[in-house]
């Protein structure tokens, strides 16, 4: 099953040349989930060959503009392009008021249902699941209510040992039950043991998205053993005081979080516009957690 994330924006508060505000596309089994929606997202999607019509789920972490100022334009373009299928939007409750005010004064009635689910930064919650993935909130420590998101694959069915099944003449009609882990008692008294003809599927993978946060112990538990962790790294460690004042993290702190939670891989992003080159941030993080990469725009990372 495809499970990958594409970076559309990696800048913090303001865009800079070649870096737009935060936005990511998560592809899980060909369903597309948009995580945050900074300015310029539509141009970024055109640039990298993605269709907005593929987006059915949108998750907004908090109401600082660099994480949602692209949303009204995106929803409006979907409307103008004739979309009729629903969009599911998960976001802080006040965002609905913002959207309704915009649509009211632009005399816009969306052609499609906008299904809004409020997200609260008081405790970690399961907020959505389908056959492919579950989504939980991660309460972060920022200046305003802010949640990250944890996307976890659903456990897949067992894998069939097809050659053995065929060699032993097991009818194909039994395959679905075997995939679900069922042992079969046949009318003739023969028993087909699931363990003889299947193997367990791979362990589910997870992607944790930590948008804006002061680095502390409060949000570590849901990150434990995640396959891939995205963690903001707005500043270098030499600007720790500034990071603390603004409730952000340094590249060093992001790497320390990755070590503490046992992450498989770390992506760092949300870079301050003061940094024209990003290699120093990567060097700082990789010195602590070697399996670190920059969340550069246009790159797709397999989870």
Protein backbone atom coordinates (compact mmCIF):
# COMPACT_ATOMS: atom_id res chain seq x y z
CA UNK A 1 0.00 0.00 0.00
CA UNK A 2 1.29 3.45 -0.87
CA UNK A 3 2.10 5.54 2.18
CA UNK A 4 4.10 8.67 1.38
CA UNK A 5 4.25 12.39 2.06
CA UNK A 6 5.03 15.20 -0.39
CA UNK A 7 6.26 18.55 0.89
CA UNK A 8 4.54 21.58 -0.65
CA UNK A 9 5.73 24.22 1.83
CA UNK A 10 8.54 24.33 4.39
CA UNK A 11 8.87 27.97 5.46
CA UNK A 12 7.71 29.46 8.73
CA UNK A 13 5.84 32.75 9.21
CA UNK A 14 6.67 34.34 5.84
CA UNK A 15 7.51 32.85 2.45
CA UNK A 16 10.97 33.29 0.98
CA UNK A 17 12.39 32.50 -2.44
CA UNK A 18 11.83 28.80 -3.16
CA UNK A 19 10.17 28.20 0.22
CA UNK A 20 6.43 28.59 0.79
CA UNK A 21 4.53 28.36 4.08
CA UNK A 22 3.64 24.96 5.48
CA UNK A 23 1.64 22.41 3.50
CA UNK A 24 2.01 18.68 2.95
CA UNK A 25 0.19 16.00 0.96
CA UNK A 26 -0.08 12.54 2.50
CA UNK A 27 -0.96 9.71 0.13
CA UNK A 28 -2.35 6.63 1.84
CA UNK A 29 -3.52 3.96 -0.57
CA UNK A 30 -4.27 6.63 -3.20
CA UNK A 31 -6.39 8.68 -0.83
CA UNK A 32 -4.94 12.18 -0.43
CA UNK A 33 -4.83 14.03 2.89
CA UNK A 34 -3.76 17.68 2.99
CA UNK A 35 -1.92 18.66 6.17
CA UNK A 36 -1.96 22.43 6.73
CA UNK A 37 -2.57 24.85 3.89
CA UNK A 38 -0.20 27.80 3.67
CA UNK A 39 -0.26 30.48 0.99
CA UNK A 40 0.64 29.44 -2.53
CA UNK A 41 -0.52 25.86 -2.19
CA UNK A 42 -2.41 25.85 -5.47
CA UNK A 43 0.62 27.02 -7.42
CA UNK A 44 2.73 24.42 -5.63
CA UNK A 45 0.33 21.66 -6.59
CA UNK A 46 0.40 22.77 -10.22
CA UNK A 47 4.19 22.97 -10.09
CA UNK A 48 4.57 19.43 -8.80
CA UNK A 49 1.77 17.83 -10.80
CA UNK A 50 -0.95 17.26 -8.20
CA UNK A 51 -4.67 17.83 -8.76
CA UNK A 52 -6.70 19.62 -6.10
CA UNK A 53 -9.63 17.39 -7.04
CA UNK A 54 -7.79 14.48 -5.38
CA UNK A 55 -7.94 16.15 -1.95
CA UNK A 56 -10.86 14.83 0.12
CA UNK A 57 -9.45 15.41 3.63
CA UNK A 58 -7.83 18.55 5.07
CA UNK A 59 -6.22 18.84 8.50
CA UNK A 60 -5.28 22.26 9.92
CA UNK A 61 -2.99 22.34 12.96
CA UNK A 62 -3.71 25.86 14.26
CA UNK A 63 -4.81 29.34 13.26
CA UNK A 64 -1.55 31.12 12.58
CA UNK A 65 -1.81 32.32 9.01
CA UNK A 66 1.19 30.45 7.61
CA UNK A 67 -0.75 27.24 8.26
CA UNK A 68 -4.13 28.11 6.75
CA UNK A 69 -4.08 31.30 4.63
CA UNK A 70 -4.18 29.19 1.46
CA UNK A 71 -7.36 27.42 2.49
CA UNK A 72 -9.99 29.94 1.35
CA UNK A 73 -8.42 30.11 -2.09
CA UNK A 74 -8.22 26.33 -2.35
CA UNK A 75 -11.84 25.78 -1.30
CA UNK A 76 -12.99 28.55 -3.66
CA UNK A 77 -11.12 27.06 -6.61
CA UNK A 78 -12.65 23.66 -5.92
CA UNK A 79 -16.05 25.39 -6.07
CA UNK A 80 -15.24 27.22 -9.31
CA UNK A 81 -13.95 24.03 -10.90
CA UNK A 82 -17.32 22.35 -10.36
CA UNK A 83 -16.50 20.02 -7.52
CA UNK A 84 -19.53 18.22 -6.08
CA UNK A 85 -18.02 15.54 -3.81
CA UNK A 86 -17.59 16.46 -0.14
CA UNK A 87 -14.46 17.84 1.50
CA UNK A 88 -13.84 16.80 5.09
CA UNK A 89 -12.11 19.57 7.04
CA UNK A 90 -10.62 18.99 10.49
CA UNK A 91 -9.51 22.22 12.17
CA UNK A 92 -9.78 24.44 15.24
CA UNK A 93 -13.42 25.39 15.80
CA UNK A 94 -13.00 29.17 15.12
CA UNK A 95 -11.93 28.44 11.54
CA UNK A 96 -15.53 27.70 10.61
CA UNK A 97 -16.50 31.26 11.57
CA UNK A 98 -13.65 32.63 9.44
CA UNK A 99 -14.73 30.60 6.42
CA UNK A 100 -18.41 31.45 6.80
CA UNK A 101 -17.62 35.16 7.02
CA UNK A 102 -15.48 35.01 3.87
CA UNK A 103 -18.11 33.11 1.91
CA UNK A 104 -20.88 35.38 3.19
CA UNK A 105 -19.21 38.57 2.01
CA UNK A 106 -18.09 37.09 -1.30
CA UNK A 107 -21.65 35.78 -1.87
CA UNK A 108 -20.29 32.26 -2.31
CA UNK A 109 -22.37 29.14 -1.79
CA UNK A 110 -20.13 26.13 -2.26
CA UNK A 111 -21.31 23.58 -4.81
CA UNK A 112 -20.02 20.77 -2.61
CA UNK A 113 -20.57 19.83 1.06
CA UNK A 114 -17.87 21.11 3.40
CA UNK A 115 -18.01 18.70 6.32
CA UNK A 116 -16.35 20.48 9.25
CA UNK A 117 -15.07 18.64 12.31
CA UNK A 118 -13.76 20.87 15.12
CA UNK A 119 -10.41 19.90 16.62
CA UNK A 120 -9.61 20.74 20.24
CA UNK A 121 -6.17 21.05 21.79
CA UNK A 122 -7.11 19.75 25.24
CA UNK A 123 -6.30 16.06 24.88
CA UNK A 124 -5.14 13.60 22.23
CA UNK A 125 -8.11 12.15 20.36
CA UNK A 126 -8.93 9.76 17.56
CA UNK A 127 -10.73 12.06 15.13
CA UNK A 128 -11.02 10.01 11.94
CA UNK A 129 -10.53 6.52 10.57
CA UNK A 130 -11.36 4.53 7.48
CA UNK A 131 -10.28 1.18 6.06
CA UNK A 132 -6.77 2.46 5.37
CA UNK A 133 -5.74 4.81 8.16
CA UNK A 134 -6.58 6.23 11.56
CA UNK A 135 -5.88 9.87 12.50
CA UNK A 136 -5.22 11.07 16.03
CA UNK A 137 -4.50 14.55 17.33
CA UNK A 138 -1.28 15.36 19.17
CA UNK A 139 -1.64 18.28 21.58
CA UNK A 140 1.35 20.59 21.11
CA UNK A 141 2.65 23.49 23.20
CA UNK A 142 2.35 26.66 21.13
CA UNK A 143 1.23 30.26 21.73
CA UNK A 144 -2.30 29.41 20.64
CA UNK A 145 -4.15 26.07 20.64
CA UNK A 146 -2.29 23.76 18.28
CA UNK A 147 -2.43 20.08 17.42
CA UNK A 148 -0.19 17.83 15.44
CA UNK A 149 -1.56 14.72 13.75
CA UNK A 150 -0.63 11.05 13.83
CA UNK A 151 -1.57 9.00 10.77
CA UNK A 152 -1.37 5.24 11.34
CA UNK A 153 -1.95 2.58 8.71
CA UNK A 154 -4.59 0.01 9.47
CA UNK A 155 -3.29 -3.52 9.93
CA UNK A 156 -3.46 -5.28 6.58
CA UNK A 157 -4.89 -8.77 6.04
CA UNK A 158 -2.55 -11.75 6.21
CA UNK A 159 -0.50 -12.63 3.12
CA UNK A 160 -1.38 -15.83 1.28
CA UNK A 161 1.24 -18.42 0.37
CA UNK A 162 -0.34 -18.81 -3.04
CA UNK A 163 2.07 -21.40 -4.43
CA UNK A 164 1.47 -23.69 -1.45
CA UNK A 165 -2.29 -23.16 -1.65
CA UNK A 166 -2.28 -24.08 -5.33
CA UNK A 167 -0.02 -27.09 -4.80
CA UNK A 168 -2.35 -28.45 -2.11
CA UNK A 169 -5.44 -27.75 -4.18
CA UNK A 170 -7.09 -25.39 -1.71
CA UNK A 171 -10.07 -23.80 -3.50
CA UNK A 172 -9.77 -20.10 -4.29
CA UNK A 173 -13.11 -19.48 -2.58
CA UNK A 174 -11.39 -20.12 0.76
CA UNK A 175 -8.72 -17.46 0.23
CA UNK A 176 -10.66 -14.51 1.73
CA UNK A 177 -11.26 -16.40 4.99
CA UNK A 178 -7.62 -17.42 5.22
CA UNK A 179 -6.52 -13.83 4.69
CA UNK A 180 -8.64 -12.87 7.69
CA UNK A 181 -6.89 -15.48 9.85
CA UNK A 182 -9.66 -18.08 9.93
CA UNK A 183 -8.97 -21.82 10.30
CA UNK A 184 -11.30 -23.90 8.11
CA UNK A 185 -13.14 -27.10 9.10
CA UNK A 186 -14.28 -28.68 5.83
CA UNK A 187 -17.35 -30.94 5.44
CA UNK A 188 -15.12 -33.96 4.75
CA UNK A 189 -13.40 -33.51 8.11
CA UNK A 190 -10.22 -31.97 6.71
CA UNK A 191 -8.83 -28.97 8.59
CA UNK A 192 -7.05 -26.14 6.82
CA UNK A 193 -4.95 -24.24 9.30
CA UNK A 194 -4.44 -20.58 8.57
CA UNK A 195 -0.87 -20.70 9.89
CA UNK A 196 0.06 -23.28 7.23
CA UNK A 197 -0.98 -21.10 4.30
CA UNK A 198 -0.50 -17.48 5.33
CA UNK A 199 2.06 -15.21 6.95
CA UNK A 200 1.43 -12.06 8.95
CA UNK A 201 1.35 -8.76 7.09
CA UNK A 202 3.87 -6.01 7.79
CA UNK A 203 3.49 -3.97 10.96
CA UNK A 204 1.46 -0.80 10.35
CA UNK A 205 3.51 2.32 9.67
CA UNK A 206 2.85 5.73 11.21
CA UNK A 207 3.54 9.34 10.31
CA UNK A 208 3.60 11.96 13.06
CA UNK A 209 3.29 15.62 12.15
CA UNK A 210 4.39 18.19 14.75
CA UNK A 211 3.76 21.62 13.30
CA UNK A 212 4.59 24.41 15.79
CA UNK A 213 5.63 23.69 19.35
CA UNK A 214 7.90 24.48 22.22
CA UNK A 215 10.06 21.39 22.68
CA UNK A 216 9.10 19.71 25.95
CA UNK A 217 7.90 16.39 27.35
CA UNK A 218 4.19 17.03 26.98
CA UNK A 219 3.67 15.56 23.51
CA UNK A 220 6.21 12.73 23.36
CA UNK A 221 4.02 9.73 24.16
CA UNK A 222 2.00 9.55 20.91
CA UNK A 223 5.24 9.84 18.93
CA UNK A 224 6.75 6.67 20.37
CA UNK A 225 8.28 4.39 17.72
CA UNK A 226 6.68 6.25 14.82
CA UNK A 227 7.99 5.27 11.40
CA UNK A 228 8.54 8.88 10.35
CA UNK A 229 8.42 12.06 12.40
CA UNK A 230 8.02 15.52 10.95
CA UNK A 231 9.07 18.09 13.55
CA UNK A 232 9.36 21.82 13.17
CA UNK A 233 12.91 23.19 13.40
CA UNK A 234 12.44 26.91 13.04
CA UNK A 235 15.81 27.96 14.47
CA UNK A 236 19.37 26.83 15.09
CA UNK A 237 20.28 26.09 18.70
CA UNK A 238 22.19 29.37 18.94
CA UNK A 239 18.76 31.04 18.87
CA UNK A 240 17.25 28.94 21.65
CA UNK A 241 16.08 32.01 23.55
CA UNK A 242 14.16 33.21 20.51
CA UNK A 243 12.70 29.73 20.04
CA UNK A 244 11.46 29.71 23.63
CA UNK A 245 9.98 33.20 23.32
CA UNK A 246 8.01 32.25 20.22
CA UNK A 247 7.11 28.71 21.35
CA UNK A 248 9.12 27.07 18.58
CA UNK A 249 11.86 24.45 18.42
CA UNK A 250 15.46 24.30 17.23
CA UNK A 251 16.92 21.72 14.87
CA UNK A 252 18.85 20.23 17.77
CA UNK A 253 15.70 19.90 19.86
CA UNK A 254 13.82 18.23 16.99
CA UNK A 255 16.60 15.66 16.75
CA UNK A 256 16.56 15.09 20.49
CA UNK A 257 12.81 14.44 20.32
CA UNK A 258 13.39 11.89 17.52
CA UNK A 259 15.97 10.09 19.67
CA UNK A 260 13.77 10.06 22.76
CA UNK A 261 10.71 8.63 21.00
CA UNK A 262 12.60 6.10 18.89
CA UNK A 263 11.49 7.50 15.55
CA UNK A 264 12.58 5.65 12.43
CA UNK A 265 13.24 8.80 10.43
CA UNK A 266 13.09 12.55 11.06
CA UNK A 267 12.03 15.31 8.68
CA UNK A 268 12.67 18.89 9.79
CA UNK A 269 10.90 21.94 8.39
CA UNK A 270 9.16 25.24 9.18
CA UNK A 271 12.43 27.07 8.65
CA UNK A 272 12.81 30.72 9.62
CA UNK A 273 13.17 33.09 6.69
CA UNK A 274 16.45 34.28 8.22
CA UNK A 275 18.13 31.13 6.89
CA UNK A 276 18.94 31.44 3.21
CA UNK A 277 20.71 28.08 3.20
CA UNK A 278 19.44 25.14 5.24
CA UNK A 279 22.51 22.93 5.49
CA UNK A 280 23.43 24.23 8.98
CA UNK A 281 20.01 23.13 10.31
CA UNK A 282 20.44 19.69 8.78
CA UNK A 283 23.97 19.39 10.16
CA UNK A 284 22.80 20.36 13.65
CA UNK A 285 20.01 17.79 13.68
CA UNK A 286 21.92 14.99 11.95
CA UNK A 287 24.74 15.24 14.50
CA UNK A 288 22.23 13.96 17.08
CA UNK A 289 19.88 11.89 14.90
CA UNK A 290 21.69 10.78 11.71
CA UNK A 291 18.58 9.65 9.82
CA UNK A 292 17.38 13.23 9.34
CA UNK A 293 16.37 14.96 6.12
CA UNK A 294 15.23 18.44 5.22
CA UNK A 295 11.54 18.71 4.31
CA UNK A 296 12.33 20.34 0.99
CA UNK A 297 9.54 21.34 -1.33
CA UNK A 298 8.66 18.99 -4.14
CA UNK A 299 10.26 15.95 -2.50
CA UNK A 300 8.16 12.87 -1.78
CA UNK A 301 9.24 10.74 1.16
CA UNK A 302 8.14 7.12 1.43
CA UNK A 303 7.07 6.34 4.97
